[in-house]
C-alpha atoms as a PDB file:
ATOM      1  CA  MET A   1     -10.308 -12.644  12.678  1.00  0.00           C
ATOM      2  CA  GLY A   2     -12.252 -10.996  15.442  1.00  0.00           C
ATOM      3  CA  PHE A   3     -14.021  -7.665  15.368  1.00  0.00           C
ATOM      4  CA  PHE A   4     -11.094  -5.628  16.755  1.00  0.00           C
ATOM      5  CA  SER A   5      -8.665  -7.442  14.470  1.00  0.00           C
ATOM      6  CA  TRP A   6     -10.730  -6.322  11.454  1.00  0.00           C
ATOM      7  CA  ILE A   7     -10.601  -2.731  12.721  1.00  0.00           C
ATOM      8  CA  VAL A   8      -6.824  -2.794  13.195  1.00  0.00           C
ATOM      9  CA  PHE A   9      -6.270  -4.654   9.916  1.00  0.00           C
ATOM     10  CA  GLY A  10      -8.659  -2.306   8.086  1.00  0.00           C
ATOM     11  CA  ALA A  11      -6.980   0.790   9.506  1.00  0.00           C
ATOM     12  CA  LEU A  12      -3.547  -0.404   8.383  1.00  0.00           C
ATOM     13  CA  ALA A  13      -4.750  -1.423   4.944  1.00  0.00           C
ATOM     14  CA  GLY A  14      -6.667   1.871   4.484  1.00  0.00           C
ATOM     15  CA  TRP A  15      -3.684   3.893   5.585  1.00  0.00           C
ATOM     16  CA  ALA A  16      -1.310   2.033   3.249  1.00  0.00           C
ATOM     17  CA  ALA A  17      -3.737   2.448   0.330  1.00  0.00           C
ATOM     18  CA  ASN A  18      -4.037   6.141   1.053  1.00  0.00           C
ATOM     19  CA  LEU A  19      -0.220   6.423   0.887  1.00  0.00           C
ATOM     20  CA  VAL A  20      -0.160   4.601  -2.425  1.00  0.00           C
ATOM     21  CA  ILE A  21      -2.953   6.678  -4.015  1.00  0.00           C
ATOM     22  CA  GLY A  22      -1.736  10.019  -2.500  1.00  0.00           C
ATOM     23  CA  GLY A  23      -3.158  13.302  -3.799  1.00  0.00           C
ATOM     24  CA  ARG A  24      -4.657  16.326  -2.107  1.00  0.00           C
ATOM     25  CA  ASP A  25      -7.334  14.354  -0.236  1.00  0.00           C
ATOM     26  CA  ARG A  26      -4.735  12.377   1.677  1.00  0.00           C
ATOM     27  CA  ARG A  27      -4.686  14.679   4.674  1.00  0.00           C
ATOM     28  CA  LYS A  28      -8.490  14.980   4.806  1.00  0.00           C
ATOM     29  CA  GLN A  29      -9.093  11.271   5.302  1.00  0.00           C
ATOM     30  CA  GLY A  30      -9.538  10.530   9.032  1.00  0.00           C
ATOM     31  CA  CYS A  31      -8.985   7.359  11.030  1.00  0.00           C
ATOM     32  CA  LEU A  32     -12.606   6.191  10.744  1.00  0.00           C
ATOM     33  CA  VAL A  33     -12.545   6.603   6.954  1.00  0.00           C
ATOM     34  CA  SER A  34      -9.274   4.724   6.800  1.00  0.00           C
ATOM     35  CA  VAL A  35     -10.799   1.847   8.734  1.00  0.00           C
ATOM     36  CA  LEU A  36     -13.888   1.744   6.500  1.00  0.00           C
ATOM     37  CA  VAL A  37     -11.786   1.911   3.346  1.00  0.00           C
ATOM     38  CA  GLY A  38      -9.542  -0.845   4.647  1.00  0.00           C
ATOM     39  CA  VAL A  39     -12.365  -3.190   5.650  1.00  0.00           C
ATOM     40  CA  VAL A  40     -14.375  -2.616   2.467  1.00  0.00           C
ATOM     41  CA  GLY A  41     -11.152  -2.788   0.439  1.00  0.00           C
ATOM     42  CA  ALA A  42     -10.218  -6.071   2.091  1.00  0.00           C
ATOM     43  CA  THR A  43     -13.615  -7.463   1.112  1.00  0.00           C
ATOM     44  CA  LEU A  44     -13.189  -6.159  -2.452  1.00  0.00           C
ATOM     45  CA  GLY A  45      -9.675  -7.532  -2.576  1.00  0.00           C
ATOM     46  CA  GLY A  46     -10.948 -10.944  -1.456  1.00  0.00           C
ATOM     47  CA  LEU A  47     -13.560 -10.903  -4.211  1.00  0.00           C
ATOM     48  CA  ILE A  48     -10.965  -9.920  -6.825  1.00  0.00           C
ATOM     49  CA  TYR A  49      -8.634 -12.669  -5.538  1.00  0.00           C
ATOM     50  CA  GLN A  50     -11.461 -15.224  -5.743  1.00  0.00           C
ATOM     51  CA  LEU A  51     -12.380 -14.162  -9.307  1.00  0.00           C
ATOM     52  CA  ILE A  52      -8.784 -14.415 -10.480  1.00  0.00           C
ATOM     53  CA  THR A  53      -7.704 -17.612  -8.722  1.00  0.00           C
ATOM     54  CA  GLY A  54     -10.986 -19.412  -8.089  1.00  0.00           C
ATOM     55  CA  ASN A  55      -9.993 -19.920  -4.414  1.00  0.00           C
ATOM     56  CA  GLU A  56     -11.399 -18.123  -1.373  1.00  0.00           C
ATOM     57  CA  LYS A  57      -9.048 -15.888   0.569  1.00  0.00           C
ATOM     58  CA  THR A  58      -9.156 -16.266   4.345  1.00  0.00           C
ATOM     59  CA  PHE A  59      -7.789 -13.185   6.052  1.00  0.00           C
ATOM     60  CA  GLU A  60      -5.258 -13.574   8.807  1.00  0.00           C
ATOM     61  CA  PHE A  61      -2.476 -11.326   9.994  1.00  0.00           C
ATOM     62  CA  ASP A  62       0.002 -12.261   7.293  1.00  0.00           C
ATOM     63  CA  LEU A  63       1.686 -10.427   4.435  1.00  0.00           C
ATOM     64  CA  ALA A  64      -0.438 -12.065   1.673  1.00  0.00           C
ATOM     65  CA  SER A  65      -3.699 -11.037   3.342  1.00  0.00           C
ATOM     66  CA  PHE A  66      -2.355  -7.541   3.900  1.00  0.00           C
ATOM     67  CA  GLY A  67      -1.377  -7.288   0.244  1.00  0.00           C
ATOM     68  CA  VAL A  68      -4.830  -8.379  -0.934  1.00  0.00           C
ATOM     69  CA  ALA A  69      -6.480  -5.907   1.450  1.00  0.00           C
ATOM     70  CA  VAL A  70      -4.280  -3.030   0.326  1.00  0.00           C
ATOM     71  CA  LEU A  71      -4.829  -3.927  -3.346  1.00  0.00           C
ATOM     72  CA  GLY A  72      -8.609  -3.907  -2.805  1.00  0.00           C
ATOM     73  CA  SER A  73      -8.412  -0.617  -0.900  1.00  0.00           C
ATOM     74  CA  VAL A  74      -6.329   0.976  -3.694  1.00  0.00           C
ATOM     75  CA  VAL A  75      -8.900  -0.147  -6.228  1.00  0.00           C
ATOM     76  CA  LEU A  76     -11.705   1.203  -4.023  1.00  0.00           C
ATOM     77  CA  LEU A  77     -10.031   4.604  -3.530  1.00  0.00           C
ATOM     78  CA  GLY A  78      -9.241   4.830  -7.181  1.00  0.00           C
ATOM     79  CA  VAL A  79     -12.818   4.209  -8.245  1.00  0.00           C
ATOM     80  CA  VAL A  80     -14.176   6.605  -5.593  1.00  0.00           C
ATOM     81  CA  ARG A  81     -11.807   9.351  -6.699  1.00  0.00           C
ATOM     82  CA  LEU A  82     -12.663   8.815 -10.359  1.00  0.00           C
ATOM     83  CA  VAL A  83     -16.363   9.092  -9.577  1.00  0.00           C
ATOM     84  CA  LEU A  84     -15.987  12.085  -7.266  1.00  0.00           C
ATOM     85  CA  GLY A  85     -13.445  13.768  -9.543  1.00  0.00           C
ATOM     86  CA  GLY A  86     -15.865  13.490 -12.497  1.00  0.00           C
ATOM     87  CA  ALA A  87     -18.656  14.897 -10.341  1.00  0.00           C
ATOM     88  CA  ARG A  88     -16.582  17.907  -9.213  1.00  0.00           C
ATOM     89  CA  ARG A  89     -15.704  18.892 -12.781  1.00  0.00           C
ATOM     90  CA  ARG A  90     -19.330  19.251 -13.854  1.00  0.00           C
END
């Protein structure tokens, strides 16, 4: 995928992951953060996919790639919220 495709794909994956995770912070996350979460989440999802299956995941605009990207983004948001949530309580 090209540069702009990664931005669009990342924005969609970040937005979908934010819908899945939900919570109070959902409205505070802007478009740029959604793109970053989606792109980093897609990378994380690709690594998780490779660890589980042993095959590399090539990202294209298809449902399987979107699912892997959203899964990685959900994991990323979950970890970030656990870390930040623990820091806020102290």
